[in-house]
C-alpha atoms as a PDB file:
ATOM      1  CA  MET A   1      -2.389 -13.709  -4.141  1.00  0.00           C
ATOM      2  CA  LYS A   2      -2.012 -10.637  -1.933  1.00  0.00           C
ATOM      3  CA  LEU A   3       0.909  -8.406  -1.014  1.00  0.00           C
ATOM      4  CA  MET A   4       0.832  -6.909   2.448  1.00  0.00           C
ATOM      5  CA  MET A   5       2.971  -3.842   3.059  1.00  0.00           C
ATOM      6  CA  ALA A   6       3.309  -3.286   6.797  1.00  0.00           C
ATOM      7  CA  ILE A   7       5.023  -0.103   7.976  1.00  0.00           C
ATOM      8  CA  LEU A   8       6.264  -0.442  11.551  1.00  0.00           C
ATOM      9  CA  ARG A   9       8.410   1.461  13.968  1.00  0.00           C
ATOM     10  CA  LYS A  10      11.989   0.196  13.876  1.00  0.00           C
ATOM     11  CA  LYS A  11      11.796  -1.063  17.471  1.00  0.00           C
ATOM     12  CA  ASP A  12       8.828  -3.323  16.618  1.00  0.00           C
ATOM     13  CA  CYS A  13      10.246  -5.062  13.569  1.00  0.00           C
ATOM     14  CA  GLU A  14      12.168  -7.966  15.139  1.00  0.00           C
ATOM     15  CA  PRO A  15       9.305  -9.400  17.229  1.00  0.00           C
ATOM     16  CA  VAL A  16       6.907  -9.027  14.289  1.00  0.00           C
ATOM     17  CA  ILE A  17       9.294 -10.642  11.792  1.00  0.00           C
ATOM     18  CA  SER A  18      10.019 -13.533  14.166  1.00  0.00           C
ATOM     19  CA  ALA A  19       6.324 -14.172  14.780  1.00  0.00           C
ATOM     20  CA  LEU A  20       5.480 -13.988  11.060  1.00  0.00           C
ATOM     21  CA  VAL A  21       8.254 -16.440  10.151  1.00  0.00           C
ATOM     22  CA  GLU A  22       7.119 -18.752  12.948  1.00  0.00           C
ATOM     23  CA  GLY A  23       3.613 -18.536  11.446  1.00  0.00           C
ATOM     24  CA  ASP A  24       4.997 -19.730   8.070  1.00  0.00           C
ATOM     25  CA  PHE A  25       4.858 -16.330   6.371  1.00  0.00           C
ATOM     26  CA  ARG A  26       7.672 -15.179   4.104  1.00  0.00           C
ATOM     27  CA  VAL A  27       8.810 -11.668   4.918  1.00  0.00           C
ATOM     28  CA  THR A  28      11.132  -9.171   3.237  1.00  0.00           C
ATOM     29  CA  ARG A  29      12.354  -6.262   5.369  1.00  0.00           C
ATOM     30  CA  VAL A  30      12.999  -2.861   3.765  1.00  0.00           C
ATOM     31  CA  ALA A  31      14.395   0.088   5.735  1.00  0.00           C
ATOM     32  CA  SER A  32      12.318   3.231   5.320  1.00  0.00           C
ATOM     33  CA  THR A  33      11.928   6.706   6.777  1.00  0.00           C
ATOM     34  CA  GLY A  34       8.766   8.672   7.215  1.00  0.00           C
ATOM     35  CA  GLY A  35       6.374  10.393   9.498  1.00  0.00           C
ATOM     36  CA  PHE A  36       6.319  13.814  11.007  1.00  0.00           C
ATOM     37  CA  LEU A  37       9.579  13.408  12.945  1.00  0.00           C
ATOM     38  CA  ARG A  38      11.387  11.481  10.168  1.00  0.00           C
ATOM     39  CA  GLN A  39      11.848   8.535  12.498  1.00  0.00           C
ATOM     40  CA  GLY A  40      13.254   5.252  11.263  1.00  0.00           C
ATOM     41  CA  ASN A  41      10.620   2.846  10.072  1.00  0.00           C
ATOM     42  CA  VAL A  42      10.690  -0.613   8.610  1.00  0.00           C
ATOM     43  CA  THR A  43       8.473  -1.731   5.759  1.00  0.00           C
ATOM     44  CA  LEU A  44       7.698  -5.437   5.639  1.00  0.00           C
ATOM     45  CA  LEU A  45       6.635  -7.055   2.375  1.00  0.00           C
ATOM     46  CA  ILE A  46       4.539 -10.159   2.991  1.00  0.00           C
ATOM     47  CA  GLY A  47       3.205 -12.268   0.145  1.00  0.00           C
ATOM     48  CA  THR A  48       0.277 -14.500   1.082  1.00  0.00           C
ATOM     49  CA  ASP A  49      -3.007 -15.998  -0.006  1.00  0.00           C
ATOM     50  CA  GLU A  50      -6.180 -14.034   0.675  1.00  0.00           C
ATOM     51  CA  GLY A  51      -7.264 -16.547   3.312  1.00  0.00           C
ATOM     52  CA  ASN A  52      -4.197 -15.775   5.448  1.00  0.00           C
ATOM     53  CA  ILE A  53      -4.619 -11.985   5.631  1.00  0.00           C
ATOM     54  CA  GLU A  54      -6.449 -11.950   8.976  1.00  0.00           C
ATOM     55  CA  SER A  55      -3.890 -14.304  10.520  1.00  0.00           C
ATOM     56  CA  ALA A  56      -1.015 -12.062   9.426  1.00  0.00           C
ATOM     57  CA  LEU A  57      -2.822  -8.960  10.703  1.00  0.00           C
ATOM     58  CA  GLU A  58      -3.363 -10.611  14.080  1.00  0.00           C
ATOM     59  CA  ILE A  59       0.326 -11.540  14.307  1.00  0.00           C
ATOM     60  CA  ILE A  60       1.299  -7.941  13.544  1.00  0.00           C
ATOM     61  CA  ARG A  61      -1.311  -6.561  15.956  1.00  0.00           C
ATOM     62  CA  THR A  62      -0.151  -8.707  18.878  1.00  0.00           C
ATOM     63  CA  ASN A  63       3.584  -8.180  18.338  1.00  0.00           C
ATOM     64  CA  VAL A  64       3.843  -4.393  18.090  1.00  0.00           C
ATOM     65  CA  ALA A  65       4.395  -2.477  21.318  1.00  0.00           C
ATOM     66  CA  ASP A  66       1.862   0.011  22.580  1.00  0.00           C
ATOM     67  CA  SER A  67       2.383   3.493  21.210  1.00  0.00           C
ATOM     68  CA  ASP A  68       3.807   6.268  23.372  1.00  0.00           C
ATOM     69  CA  SER A  69       1.140   8.568  21.959  1.00  0.00           C
ATOM     70  CA  LEU A  70      -2.542   7.882  21.453  1.00  0.00           C
ATOM     71  CA  GLU A  71      -2.317   9.631  18.079  1.00  0.00           C
ATOM     72  CA  GLN A  72       0.557   7.496  16.748  1.00  0.00           C
ATOM     73  CA  ALA A  73      -0.311   4.324  14.879  1.00  0.00           C
ATOM     74  CA  ARG A  74       1.512   1.159  15.922  1.00  0.00           C
ATOM     75  CA  ALA A  75       1.503  -0.135  12.348  1.00  0.00           C
ATOM     76  CA  THR A  76       0.101   0.837   8.967  1.00  0.00           C
ATOM     77  CA  VAL A  77      -0.768  -2.086   6.693  1.00  0.00           C
ATOM     78  CA  PHE A  78      -1.714  -1.980   3.017  1.00  0.00           C
ATOM     79  CA  VAL A  79      -3.143  -5.095   1.355  1.00  0.00           C
ATOM     80  CA  LEU A  80      -2.711  -5.119  -2.420  1.00  0.00           C
ATOM     81  CA  ASP A  81      -3.817  -7.485  -5.169  1.00  0.00           C
ATOM     82  CA  VAL A  82      -0.955  -9.211  -6.979  1.00  0.00           C
ATOM     83  CA  ALA A  83      -1.595  -9.906 -10.655  1.00  0.00           C
ATOM     84  CA  GLN A  84       1.424 -12.177 -11.049  1.00  0.00           C
ATOM     85  CA  PHE A  85       3.963 -13.766  -8.715  1.00  0.00           C
ATOM     86  CA  LYS A  86       7.110 -15.667  -9.734  1.00  0.00           C
ATOM     87  CA  GLN A  87      10.188 -16.873  -7.918  1.00  0.00           C
ATOM     88  CA  LEU A  88      13.263 -17.096 -10.128  1.00  0.00           C
END
């Protein structure tokens, strides 16, 4: 099991969340702030099997808008191992 943490610009979150849900991914949205200008970001928590990582990355890649600056990332994604997962 993997946990993907995707940090997106606030304006990109709705299209990405909609596409992930449509692709049968479960997503939790967490408001966050960061970056040089302290702009509003959204962190998405996505739990998935290792075999679905590339599919989720492609969904994120195709649903974030182009950056206004060549130096600004459209999304930052961390993929972490999950030792244990339970739904209560």
